[in-house]
Structures are given as C-alpha cells and as structure tokens.
C-alpha cells in the first residue's frame, strides 16, 4: 500500500485514521449535493469507511486520502474501485474512478491532479482495460474533470433517486495514445 506522490499531492491508501475526514466530507451539503442521495448519516459514513478499508484488503487498491504535499492537510479523496456492474460497450476488466474535494480546496485542480495519478495506477500497475466514471449530469465540475482526463460519455442512466447520470469511459489503449501530461505520479507503482 504505497502512497502516490504528484507535484502538489500525496495520495495515501485509505486507513482507519481517515474516518473523521470522510465524515466531514459526507456531511457537507456542498460536497454531497451531487453524490447519490445526498448527505450521509454518521452511521452510513462509518459503514462506507469500513467498506473502503475492506476493498483495500481484498483488492490492493481503493480509496486514497488526498493530502497537500506542502502542509499534509486533508483535501479530499480519490477512489478507484471495482464497479457495481459491467457497463455495456466498455472492455473488461474495468475499474471505476471518483473524487470528492473539500470546499476549501475547490478551483485548484486538485481532483484532476489526483485522478490523473490514479488513472496511471489503473492502467499501469492494475492493468485495467478501461476506467469508468459516473456522475450526475448536473455536476458540471465532475463533467469538466472527466473531460480533462480524457474520459468520454458512453451512456446515460438514472441514479438512486431517478436523477440523470452520465457514464464516461476511457480505455487503456486510448489512455496510452493520448496520455495527459503533467499529473502522473512521481512514484508510479
């Protein structure tokens, strides 16, 4: 479980000590307005935290805490997980990427930098054939990040409350052909 390092960030494998950080993010309406059914209860956040720890133990990858490299402050999380189900037309094995950034760090390119490093991990060490991202259509911030990463829309779906969702994907072949420069980890795994 190695920490990935980028120009400005440390992406640390999710650990027990990150539970309070998750709770802060998961109970902030600004962060959660476009996530699933909205703000999480403390109990649900605790269950998801345990699930994230278990994913690391079972698969050797998962959520990563995003820290500022200069002062080690918590900025959010970036996730790379096994998707809930296969996405039609997306080659297997596929992984799913996502990110949450604390409001005090918005507008600084944190999500793009963190997700770029995790994409490199997905297509490098983990050998993914594709990476998918799902987000609510109303989430224009995530739409911009996925476009910067090179993921393209492949499907529309309905979320848990019927909200319109967009599914974007990037294949390993496309990633290698058009690899985004500048945000790869300094210590690729």
N, C-alpha and C. Protein backbone atom coordinates (compact mmCIF):
# COMPACT_ATOMS: atom_id res chain seq x y z
N UNK A 1 0.85 -1.18 0.00
CA UNK A 1 0.00 0.00 0.00
C UNK A 1 0.89 1.24 0.00
N UNK A 2 1.27 1.65 -1.17
CA UNK A 2 2.19 2.75 -1.34
C UNK A 2 1.45 4.06 -1.59
N UNK A 3 1.93 5.14 -1.01
CA UNK A 3 1.40 6.47 -1.25
C UNK A 3 1.87 6.95 -2.62
N UNK A 4 0.93 7.46 -3.43
CA UNK A 4 1.30 8.06 -4.70
C UNK A 4 1.60 9.53 -4.45
N UNK A 5 2.60 10.05 -5.13
CA UNK A 5 3.02 11.43 -4.97
C UNK A 5 2.94 12.14 -6.32
N UNK A 6 2.29 13.31 -6.34
CA UNK A 6 2.26 14.14 -7.54
C UNK A 6 2.99 15.44 -7.21
N UNK A 7 2.97 16.36 -8.13
CA UNK A 7 3.66 17.64 -7.92
C UNK A 7 3.21 18.32 -6.64
N UNK A 8 1.88 18.31 -6.35
CA UNK A 8 1.35 19.02 -5.18
C UNK A 8 0.71 18.13 -4.13
N UNK A 9 0.53 16.85 -4.43
CA UNK A 9 -0.32 16.00 -3.59
C UNK A 9 0.36 14.71 -3.13
N UNK A 10 -0.15 14.22 -2.00
CA UNK A 10 0.14 12.87 -1.52
C UNK A 10 -1.18 12.12 -1.55
N UNK A 11 -1.22 10.96 -2.19
CA UNK A 11 -2.43 10.15 -2.30
C UNK A 11 -2.20 8.88 -1.50
N UNK A 12 -2.66 8.91 -0.27
CA UNK A 12 -2.37 7.86 0.69
C UNK A 12 -3.46 6.79 0.68
N UNK A 13 -3.11 5.52 0.68
CA UNK A 13 -4.14 4.48 0.79
C UNK A 13 -5.05 4.75 2.00
N UNK A 14 -6.33 4.48 1.83
CA UNK A 14 -7.32 4.75 2.87
C UNK A 14 -7.00 3.94 4.12
N UNK A 15 -7.03 4.61 5.27
CA UNK A 15 -6.69 3.96 6.54
C UNK A 15 -7.75 4.30 7.60
N UNK A 16 -7.66 3.59 8.69
CA UNK A 16 -8.60 3.79 9.80
C UNK A 16 -8.66 5.27 10.22
N UNK A 17 -7.51 5.93 10.26
CA UNK A 17 -7.46 7.32 10.73
C UNK A 17 -8.19 8.32 9.83
N UNK A 18 -8.66 7.88 8.64
CA UNK A 18 -9.36 8.78 7.74
C UNK A 18 -10.87 8.84 7.99
N UNK A 19 -11.36 8.08 8.95
CA UNK A 19 -12.81 8.08 9.24
C UNK A 19 -13.35 9.48 9.54
N UNK A 20 -12.70 10.29 10.38
CA UNK A 20 -13.22 11.64 10.64
C UNK A 20 -13.20 12.54 9.40
N UNK A 21 -12.22 12.35 8.52
CA UNK A 21 -12.16 13.12 7.29
C UNK A 21 -13.35 12.79 6.39
N UNK A 22 -13.65 11.49 6.28
CA UNK A 22 -14.80 11.07 5.49
C UNK A 22 -16.08 11.66 6.06
N UNK A 23 -16.24 11.61 7.37
CA UNK A 23 -17.45 12.13 7.99
C UNK A 23 -17.61 13.62 7.69
N UNK A 24 -16.52 14.39 7.74
CA UNK A 24 -16.60 15.82 7.42
C UNK A 24 -17.07 16.04 5.99
N UNK A 25 -16.52 15.28 5.05
CA UNK A 25 -16.93 15.43 3.65
C UNK A 25 -18.37 14.97 3.45
N UNK A 26 -18.71 13.81 4.01
CA UNK A 26 -20.01 13.18 3.77
C UNK A 26 -21.17 13.92 4.41
N UNK A 27 -20.90 14.81 5.36
CA UNK A 27 -21.97 15.57 6.00
C UNK A 27 -21.99 17.03 5.53
N UNK A 28 -21.21 17.35 4.52
CA UNK A 28 -21.15 18.71 3.97
C UNK A 28 -22.02 18.76 2.71
N UNK A 29 -23.10 19.49 2.76
CA UNK A 29 -24.04 19.57 1.64
C UNK A 29 -23.36 20.08 0.38
N UNK A 30 -22.36 20.92 0.51
CA UNK A 30 -21.66 21.43 -0.68
C UNK A 30 -20.95 20.30 -1.42
N UNK A 31 -20.39 19.38 -0.69
CA UNK A 31 -19.70 18.23 -1.29
C UNK A 31 -20.71 17.21 -1.81
N UNK A 32 -21.78 17.01 -1.06
CA UNK A 32 -22.69 15.89 -1.31
C UNK A 32 -23.89 16.22 -2.22
N UNK A 33 -24.02 17.45 -2.65
CA UNK A 33 -25.23 17.81 -3.41
C UNK A 33 -25.38 17.02 -4.70
N UNK A 34 -24.30 16.48 -5.24
CA UNK A 34 -24.38 15.69 -6.47
C UNK A 34 -23.92 14.24 -6.25
N UNK A 35 -23.93 13.78 -5.00
CA UNK A 35 -23.49 12.42 -4.69
C UNK A 35 -24.69 11.60 -4.23
N UNK A 36 -25.03 10.59 -5.01
CA UNK A 36 -26.09 9.66 -4.63
C UNK A 36 -27.32 10.34 -4.08
N UNK A 37 -27.66 10.00 -2.86
CA UNK A 37 -28.87 10.54 -2.25
C UNK A 37 -28.57 11.73 -1.34
N UNK A 38 -27.39 12.29 -1.42
CA UNK A 38 -27.06 13.48 -0.64
C UNK A 38 -26.28 13.16 0.62
N UNK A 39 -26.38 14.05 1.59
CA UNK A 39 -25.61 13.97 2.84
C UNK A 39 -25.81 12.61 3.51
N UNK A 40 -24.70 12.04 4.00
CA UNK A 40 -24.74 10.75 4.68
C UNK A 40 -24.92 10.94 6.17
N UNK A 41 -25.57 9.97 6.80
CA UNK A 41 -25.63 9.95 8.26
C UNK A 41 -24.28 9.48 8.77
N UNK A 42 -23.95 9.77 10.03
CA UNK A 42 -22.69 9.26 10.59
C UNK A 42 -22.58 7.74 10.52
N UNK A 43 -23.69 7.05 10.74
CA UNK A 43 -23.67 5.59 10.68
C UNK A 43 -23.37 5.08 9.28
N UNK A 44 -23.98 5.70 8.28
CA UNK A 44 -23.72 5.27 6.90
C UNK A 44 -22.28 5.59 6.50
N UNK A 45 -21.78 6.75 6.90
CA UNK A 45 -20.38 7.10 6.62
C UNK A 45 -19.44 6.08 7.26
N UNK A 46 -19.75 5.64 8.47
CA UNK A 46 -18.91 4.64 9.14
C UNK A 46 -18.92 3.31 8.38
N UNK A 47 -20.10 2.92 7.87
CA UNK A 47 -20.19 1.67 7.10
C UNK A 47 -19.41 1.77 5.79
N UNK A 48 -19.49 2.91 5.12
CA UNK A 48 -18.75 3.10 3.87
C UNK A 48 -17.24 3.13 4.13
N UNK A 49 -16.85 3.70 5.26
CA UNK A 49 -15.44 3.71 5.64
C UNK A 49 -14.92 2.28 5.80
N UNK A 50 -15.68 1.45 6.49
CA UNK A 50 -15.29 0.05 6.68
C UNK A 50 -15.23 -0.66 5.33
N UNK A 51 -16.19 -0.36 4.46
CA UNK A 51 -16.20 -0.95 3.13
C UNK A 51 -14.95 -0.56 2.34
N UNK A 52 -14.52 0.71 2.48
CA UNK A 52 -13.32 1.17 1.78
C UNK A 52 -12.08 0.45 2.31
N UNK A 53 -12.00 0.26 3.61
CA UNK A 53 -10.88 -0.48 4.19
C UNK A 53 -10.87 -1.92 3.69
N UNK A 54 -12.04 -2.52 3.63
CA UNK A 54 -12.16 -3.91 3.17
C UNK A 54 -11.75 -4.03 1.69
N UNK A 55 -12.14 -3.05 0.87
CA UNK A 55 -11.79 -3.08 -0.55
C UNK A 55 -10.27 -3.11 -0.71
N UNK A 56 -9.56 -2.27 0.07
CA UNK A 56 -8.09 -2.29 0.02
C UNK A 56 -7.55 -3.66 0.41
N UNK A 57 -8.08 -4.22 1.48
CA UNK A 57 -7.59 -5.51 1.96
C UNK A 57 -7.82 -6.61 0.93
N UNK A 58 -8.94 -6.57 0.23
CA UNK A 58 -9.28 -7.61 -0.73
C UNK A 58 -8.63 -7.43 -2.09
N UNK A 59 -8.44 -6.16 -2.53
CA UNK A 59 -8.01 -5.91 -3.91
C UNK A 59 -6.66 -5.22 -4.05
N UNK A 60 -6.14 -4.62 -2.97
CA UNK A 60 -4.86 -3.94 -3.06
C UNK A 60 -4.92 -2.57 -3.70
N UNK A 61 -6.11 -2.01 -3.80
CA UNK A 61 -6.34 -0.65 -4.27
C UNK A 61 -7.70 -0.21 -3.77
N UNK A 62 -8.01 1.07 -3.95
CA UNK A 62 -9.30 1.57 -3.49
C UNK A 62 -9.28 3.07 -3.31
N UNK A 63 -9.93 3.52 -2.23
CA UNK A 63 -9.94 4.95 -1.93
C UNK A 63 -8.55 5.38 -1.49
N UNK A 64 -8.22 6.64 -1.82
CA UNK A 64 -6.98 7.25 -1.35
C UNK A 64 -7.32 8.62 -0.76
N UNK A 65 -6.75 8.89 0.40
CA UNK A 65 -6.88 10.22 1.01
C UNK A 65 -5.96 11.17 0.26
N UNK A 66 -6.48 12.32 -0.11
CA UNK A 66 -5.70 13.33 -0.84
C UNK A 66 -5.21 14.36 0.17
N UNK A 67 -3.88 14.49 0.27
CA UNK A 67 -3.27 15.44 1.19
C UNK A 67 -2.42 16.44 0.41
N UNK A 68 -2.39 17.67 0.89
CA UNK A 68 -1.50 18.68 0.35
C UNK A 68 -0.06 18.26 0.65
N UNK A 69 0.78 18.23 -0.34
CA UNK A 69 2.16 17.77 -0.15
C UNK A 69 2.95 18.73 0.74
N UNK A 70 2.63 20.02 0.69
CA UNK A 70 3.39 21.01 1.45
C UNK A 70 3.07 20.96 2.95
N UNK A 71 1.77 20.93 3.31
CA UNK A 71 1.42 21.01 4.73
C UNK A 71 0.70 19.77 5.27
N UNK A 72 0.51 18.77 4.41
CA UNK A 72 -0.13 17.49 4.78
C UNK A 72 -1.62 17.62 5.14
N UNK A 73 -2.24 18.77 4.83
CA UNK A 73 -3.66 18.92 5.15
C UNK A 73 -4.51 18.03 4.25
N UNK A 74 -5.64 17.58 4.79
CA UNK A 74 -6.57 16.72 4.06
C UNK A 74 -7.36 17.57 3.08
N UNK A 75 -7.36 17.16 1.80
CA UNK A 75 -8.07 17.92 0.75
C UNK A 75 -9.26 17.17 0.17
N UNK A 76 -9.34 15.86 0.41
CA UNK A 76 -10.44 15.09 -0.16
C UNK A 76 -10.04 13.65 -0.35
N UNK A 77 -10.75 12.98 -1.26
CA UNK A 77 -10.42 11.60 -1.56
C UNK A 77 -10.58 11.36 -3.04
N UNK A 78 -9.84 10.39 -3.52
CA UNK A 78 -9.98 9.89 -4.88
C UNK A 78 -10.14 8.40 -4.77
N UNK A 79 -11.07 7.85 -5.55
CA UNK A 79 -11.34 6.42 -5.41
C UNK A 79 -11.11 5.69 -6.73
N UNK A 80 -10.68 4.47 -6.60
CA UNK A 80 -10.56 3.55 -7.72
C UNK A 80 -11.07 2.22 -7.18
N UNK A 81 -12.23 1.80 -7.69
CA UNK A 81 -12.88 0.61 -7.15
C UNK A 81 -13.37 -0.30 -8.28
N UNK A 82 -13.73 -1.49 -7.90
CA UNK A 82 -14.41 -2.38 -8.84
C UNK A 82 -15.83 -1.84 -9.01
N UNK A 83 -16.29 -1.66 -10.25
CA UNK A 83 -17.64 -1.11 -10.44
C UNK A 83 -18.72 -2.10 -10.01
N UNK A 84 -19.89 -1.54 -9.72
CA UNK A 84 -21.02 -2.36 -9.27
C UNK A 84 -21.46 -3.35 -10.35
N UNK A 85 -21.30 -2.99 -11.60
CA UNK A 85 -21.67 -3.88 -12.69
C UNK A 85 -20.96 -3.46 -13.96
N UNK A 86 -21.03 -4.31 -14.96
CA UNK A 86 -20.39 -4.03 -16.23
C UNK A 86 -21.15 -2.93 -16.96
N UNK A 87 -20.42 -2.07 -17.67
CA UNK A 87 -21.01 -1.02 -18.48
C UNK A 87 -20.97 -1.51 -19.93
N UNK A 88 -22.14 -1.54 -20.57
CA UNK A 88 -22.23 -2.03 -21.95
C UNK A 88 -21.25 -1.28 -22.85
N UNK A 89 -20.50 -2.06 -23.63
CA UNK A 89 -19.56 -1.47 -24.58
C UNK A 89 -18.21 -1.09 -24.00
N UNK A 90 -18.01 -1.28 -22.69
CA UNK A 90 -16.74 -0.94 -22.04
C UNK A 90 -15.99 -2.24 -21.80
N UNK A 91 -14.74 -2.33 -22.29
CA UNK A 91 -14.00 -3.58 -22.12
C UNK A 91 -13.70 -3.90 -20.65
N UNK A 92 -13.61 -5.18 -20.37
CA UNK A 92 -13.29 -5.67 -19.03
C UNK A 92 -11.84 -6.13 -19.00
N UNK A 93 -11.16 -6.08 -17.88
CA UNK A 93 -11.67 -5.58 -16.60
C UNK A 93 -11.66 -4.06 -16.55
N UNK A 94 -12.77 -3.52 -16.09
CA UNK A 94 -12.91 -2.08 -15.93
C UNK A 94 -12.87 -1.73 -14.45
N UNK A 95 -12.38 -0.53 -14.15
CA UNK A 95 -12.39 0.00 -12.79
C UNK A 95 -13.17 1.31 -12.82
N UNK A 96 -13.68 1.72 -11.66
CA UNK A 96 -14.44 2.97 -11.57
C UNK A 96 -13.68 3.99 -10.74
N UNK A 97 -13.59 5.20 -11.26
CA UNK A 97 -12.87 6.29 -10.60
C UNK A 97 -13.87 7.33 -10.10
N UNK A 98 -13.51 7.99 -9.00
CA UNK A 98 -14.34 9.07 -8.47
C UNK A 98 -13.50 9.96 -7.56
N UNK A 99 -14.05 11.10 -7.17
CA UNK A 99 -13.31 12.05 -6.35
C UNK A 99 -14.28 12.93 -5.58
N UNK A 100 -13.86 13.32 -4.40
CA UNK A 100 -14.54 14.32 -3.58
C UNK A 100 -13.46 15.27 -3.10
N UNK A 101 -13.68 16.55 -3.27
CA UNK A 101 -12.72 17.54 -2.82
C UNK A 101 -13.38 18.45 -1.80
N UNK A 102 -12.70 18.72 -0.70
CA UNK A 102 -13.22 19.62 0.33
C UNK A 102 -13.39 21.02 -0.26
N UNK A 103 -14.47 21.71 0.10
CA UNK A 103 -14.74 23.03 -0.48
C UNK A 103 -13.59 24.03 -0.40
N UNK A 104 -12.80 23.99 0.67
CA UNK A 104 -11.70 24.96 0.78
C UNK A 104 -10.63 24.74 -0.29
N UNK A 105 -10.67 23.59 -0.97
CA UNK A 105 -9.67 23.29 -2.00
C UNK A 105 -10.24 23.34 -3.42
N UNK A 106 -11.50 23.74 -3.57
CA UNK A 106 -12.11 23.81 -4.89
C UNK A 106 -11.41 24.84 -5.77
N UNK A 107 -11.44 24.59 -7.06
CA UNK A 107 -10.91 25.55 -8.02
C UNK A 107 -9.40 25.53 -8.19
N UNK A 108 -8.74 24.54 -7.63
CA UNK A 108 -7.28 24.48 -7.68
C UNK A 108 -6.76 23.32 -8.53
N UNK A 109 -7.66 22.56 -9.17
CA UNK A 109 -7.24 21.43 -9.99
C UNK A 109 -6.88 20.19 -9.20
N UNK A 110 -7.31 20.14 -7.95
CA UNK A 110 -6.98 19.01 -7.07
C UNK A 110 -7.57 17.71 -7.60
N UNK A 111 -8.85 17.72 -7.99
CA UNK A 111 -9.50 16.49 -8.48
C UNK A 111 -8.79 15.98 -9.73
N UNK A 112 -8.47 16.87 -10.66
CA UNK A 112 -7.80 16.46 -11.89
C UNK A 112 -6.43 15.88 -11.61
N UNK A 113 -5.66 16.53 -10.76
CA UNK A 113 -4.31 16.04 -10.44
C UNK A 113 -4.35 14.69 -9.74
N UNK A 114 -5.24 14.55 -8.77
CA UNK A 114 -5.35 13.28 -8.04
C UNK A 114 -5.85 12.17 -8.96
N UNK A 115 -6.89 12.46 -9.74
CA UNK A 115 -7.45 11.44 -10.62
C UNK A 115 -6.47 11.04 -11.72
N UNK A 116 -5.66 11.96 -12.20
CA UNK A 116 -4.63 11.62 -13.21
C UNK A 116 -3.66 10.60 -12.67
N UNK A 117 -3.25 10.79 -11.43
CA UNK A 117 -2.32 9.84 -10.81
C UNK A 117 -2.96 8.46 -10.64
N UNK A 118 -4.23 8.46 -10.28
CA UNK A 118 -4.93 7.19 -10.08
C UNK A 118 -5.20 6.50 -11.42
N UNK A 119 -5.44 7.28 -12.48
CA UNK A 119 -5.57 6.68 -13.81
C UNK A 119 -4.28 5.96 -14.20
N UNK A 120 -3.14 6.60 -13.94
CA UNK A 120 -1.85 5.98 -14.24
C UNK A 120 -1.71 4.66 -13.49
N UNK A 121 -2.17 4.63 -12.24
CA UNK A 121 -2.13 3.40 -11.46
C UNK A 121 -3.06 2.34 -12.07
N UNK A 122 -4.26 2.76 -12.47
CA UNK A 122 -5.24 1.83 -13.04
C UNK A 122 -4.71 1.17 -14.31
N UNK A 123 -4.15 1.97 -15.19
CA UNK A 123 -3.69 1.43 -16.47
C UNK A 123 -2.27 0.87 -16.39
N UNK A 124 -1.56 1.18 -15.33
CA UNK A 124 -0.22 0.64 -15.14
C UNK A 124 -0.24 -0.58 -14.26
N UNK A 125 -0.01 -0.38 -12.97
CA UNK A 125 0.10 -1.48 -12.01
C UNK A 125 -1.10 -2.42 -12.03
N UNK A 126 -2.32 -1.87 -12.20
CA UNK A 126 -3.52 -2.70 -12.07
C UNK A 126 -3.97 -3.32 -13.38
N UNK A 127 -3.44 -2.88 -14.50
CA UNK A 127 -3.75 -3.50 -15.79
C UNK A 127 -5.20 -3.42 -16.22
N UNK A 128 -5.87 -2.34 -15.88
CA UNK A 128 -7.28 -2.18 -16.27
C UNK A 128 -7.39 -2.04 -17.79
N UNK A 129 -8.44 -2.62 -18.36
CA UNK A 129 -8.72 -2.44 -19.78
C UNK A 129 -9.43 -1.11 -20.01
N UNK A 130 -10.16 -0.65 -18.98
CA UNK A 130 -10.90 0.61 -19.09
C UNK A 130 -11.15 1.17 -17.70
N UNK A 131 -11.42 2.46 -17.65
CA UNK A 131 -11.83 3.13 -16.41
C UNK A 131 -13.12 3.90 -16.72
N UNK A 132 -14.09 3.78 -15.82
CA UNK A 132 -15.36 4.49 -15.98
C UNK A 132 -15.54 5.48 -14.83
N UNK A 133 -16.32 6.51 -15.09
CA UNK A 133 -16.73 7.48 -14.07
C UNK A 133 -18.22 7.71 -14.24
N UNK A 134 -18.93 7.77 -13.12
CA UNK A 134 -20.37 8.05 -13.13
C UNK A 134 -20.60 9.33 -12.34
N UNK A 135 -21.42 10.23 -12.87
CA UNK A 135 -21.73 11.46 -12.15
C UNK A 135 -23.08 11.98 -12.59
N UNK A 136 -23.70 12.74 -11.70
CA UNK A 136 -24.97 13.37 -12.03
C UNK A 136 -24.73 14.40 -13.12
N UNK A 137 -25.62 14.44 -14.10
CA UNK A 137 -25.49 15.37 -15.22
C UNK A 137 -25.37 16.81 -14.71
N UNK A 138 -26.03 17.13 -13.62
CA UNK A 138 -25.98 18.49 -13.06
C UNK A 138 -24.61 18.83 -12.46
N UNK A 139 -23.76 17.86 -12.28
CA UNK A 139 -22.45 18.07 -11.66
C UNK A 139 -21.45 18.52 -12.73
N UNK A 140 -21.48 19.80 -13.04
CA UNK A 140 -20.63 20.34 -14.11
C UNK A 140 -19.15 20.25 -13.75
N UNK A 141 -18.81 20.31 -12.46
CA UNK A 141 -17.42 20.17 -12.04
C UNK A 141 -16.86 18.81 -12.42
N UNK A 142 -17.60 17.75 -12.13
CA UNK A 142 -17.14 16.40 -12.49
C UNK A 142 -17.12 16.21 -14.00
N UNK A 143 -18.04 16.84 -14.71
CA UNK A 143 -18.03 16.76 -16.17
C UNK A 143 -16.72 17.35 -16.71
N UNK A 144 -16.30 18.49 -16.15
CA UNK A 144 -15.04 19.11 -16.59
C UNK A 144 -13.84 18.22 -16.27
N UNK A 145 -13.82 17.65 -15.08
CA UNK A 145 -12.69 16.79 -14.70
C UNK A 145 -12.62 15.57 -15.61
N UNK A 146 -13.73 14.91 -15.86
CA UNK A 146 -13.69 13.71 -16.72
C UNK A 146 -13.21 14.07 -18.12
N UNK A 147 -13.64 15.21 -18.64
CA UNK A 147 -13.18 15.64 -19.97
C UNK A 147 -11.67 15.89 -19.97
N UNK A 148 -11.16 16.56 -18.93
CA UNK A 148 -9.71 16.81 -18.84
C UNK A 148 -8.93 15.51 -18.78
N UNK A 149 -9.51 14.49 -18.16
CA UNK A 149 -8.84 13.20 -18.03
C UNK A 149 -8.92 12.37 -19.31
N UNK A 150 -9.77 12.78 -20.24
CA UNK A 150 -9.92 12.05 -21.49
C UNK A 150 -11.05 11.05 -21.51
N UNK A 151 -11.83 10.96 -20.44
CA UNK A 151 -12.98 10.07 -20.43
C UNK A 151 -14.08 10.68 -21.29
N UNK A 152 -14.77 9.86 -22.06
CA UNK A 152 -15.82 10.34 -22.95
C UNK A 152 -17.15 9.69 -22.58
N UNK A 153 -18.26 10.40 -22.79
CA UNK A 153 -19.57 9.83 -22.48
C UNK A 153 -19.85 8.56 -23.29
N UNK A 154 -20.34 7.53 -22.59
CA UNK A 154 -20.69 6.27 -23.25
C UNK A 154 -22.12 5.86 -22.97
N UNK A 155 -22.75 6.44 -21.94
CA UNK A 155 -24.13 6.05 -21.61
C UNK A 155 -24.76 7.07 -20.67
N UNK A 156 -26.07 7.05 -20.64
CA UNK A 156 -26.86 7.82 -19.68
C UNK A 156 -27.61 6.79 -18.83
N UNK A 157 -27.87 7.13 -17.59
CA UNK A 157 -28.57 6.22 -16.69
C UNK A 157 -29.34 7.05 -15.68
N UNK A 158 -30.11 6.38 -14.83
CA UNK A 158 -30.82 7.05 -13.74
C UNK A 158 -30.13 6.68 -12.44
N UNK A 159 -29.96 7.68 -11.56
CA UNK A 159 -29.37 7.46 -10.25
C UNK A 159 -30.37 6.89 -9.28
N UNK A 160 -30.00 6.75 -8.00
CA UNK A 160 -30.86 6.12 -6.99
C UNK A 160 -32.20 6.83 -6.79
N UNK A 161 -32.23 8.13 -7.03
CA UNK A 161 -33.48 8.88 -6.89
C UNK A 161 -34.05 9.29 -8.25
N UNK A 162 -33.61 8.63 -9.31
CA UNK A 162 -34.09 8.93 -10.64
C UNK A 162 -33.38 10.09 -11.32
N UNK A 163 -32.36 10.65 -10.66
CA UNK A 163 -31.63 11.78 -11.24
C UNK A 163 -30.83 11.32 -12.46
N UNK A 164 -30.74 12.16 -13.50
CA UNK A 164 -29.98 11.78 -14.69
C UNK A 164 -28.48 11.66 -14.38
N UNK A 165 -27.91 10.55 -14.81
CA UNK A 165 -26.49 10.26 -14.60
C UNK A 165 -25.82 10.11 -15.95
N UNK A 166 -24.56 10.47 -16.00
CA UNK A 166 -23.74 10.26 -17.19
C UNK A 166 -22.63 9.28 -16.82
N UNK A 167 -22.37 8.36 -17.72
CA UNK A 167 -21.28 7.41 -17.55
C UNK A 167 -20.26 7.70 -18.64
N UNK A 168 -19.03 7.92 -18.22
CA UNK A 168 -17.94 8.19 -19.15
C UNK A 168 -16.89 7.10 -19.00
N UNK A 169 -16.12 6.88 -20.05
CA UNK A 169 -15.11 5.82 -20.00
C UNK A 169 -13.87 6.21 -20.81
N UNK A 170 -12.80 5.54 -20.47
CA UNK A 170 -11.53 5.66 -21.16
C UNK A 170 -10.91 4.28 -21.21
N UNK A 171 -10.52 3.83 -22.39
CA UNK A 171 -9.85 2.53 -22.50
C UNK A 171 -8.36 2.72 -22.27
N UNK A 172 -7.71 1.63 -21.93
CA UNK A 172 -6.27 1.67 -21.75
C UNK A 172 -5.56 2.07 -23.04
N UNK A 173 -6.05 1.58 -24.18
CA UNK A 173 -5.43 1.92 -25.46
C UNK A 173 -5.54 3.42 -25.72
N UNK A 174 -6.70 4.01 -25.47
CA UNK A 174 -6.87 5.46 -25.66
C UNK A 174 -6.01 6.24 -24.67
N UNK A 175 -5.92 5.76 -23.46
CA UNK A 175 -5.09 6.43 -22.45
C UNK A 175 -3.63 6.48 -22.92
N UNK A 176 -3.12 5.35 -23.38
CA UNK A 176 -1.73 5.32 -23.82
C UNK A 176 -1.51 6.18 -25.06
N UNK A 177 -2.51 6.27 -25.93
CA UNK A 177 -2.40 7.06 -27.15
C UNK A 177 -2.43 8.56 -26.87
N UNK A 178 -3.24 8.98 -25.90
CA UNK A 178 -3.45 10.41 -25.62
C UNK A 178 -3.17 10.74 -24.16
N UNK A 179 -2.21 10.10 -23.58
CA UNK A 179 -1.91 10.23 -22.16
C UNK A 179 -1.77 11.70 -21.73
N UNK A 180 -2.59 12.13 -20.74
CA UNK A 180 -2.45 13.50 -20.25
C UNK A 180 -1.11 13.68 -19.56
N UNK A 181 -0.47 14.78 -19.81
CA UNK A 181 0.87 15.01 -19.25
C UNK A 181 0.80 15.90 -18.02
N UNK A 182 1.76 15.70 -17.13
CA UNK A 182 1.95 16.64 -16.04
C UNK A 182 1.40 16.23 -14.69
N UNK A 183 0.48 15.29 -14.62
CA UNK A 183 -0.10 14.95 -13.33
C UNK A 183 0.10 13.49 -12.95
N UNK A 184 0.92 12.78 -13.68
CA UNK A 184 1.18 11.39 -13.33
C UNK A 184 1.91 11.34 -12.00
N UNK A 185 1.79 10.25 -11.28
CA UNK A 185 2.53 10.17 -10.01
C UNK A 185 4.02 10.18 -10.26
N UNK A 186 4.73 10.76 -9.32
CA UNK A 186 6.19 10.78 -9.40
C UNK A 186 6.76 9.41 -9.06
N UNK A 187 5.95 8.60 -8.37
CA UNK A 187 6.40 7.27 -7.95
C UNK A 187 5.42 6.23 -8.45
N UNK A 188 5.29 6.03 -9.79
CA UNK A 188 4.30 5.09 -10.29
C UNK A 188 4.55 3.70 -9.71
N UNK A 189 3.44 3.01 -9.45
CA UNK A 189 3.55 1.69 -8.84
C UNK A 189 3.70 0.63 -9.92
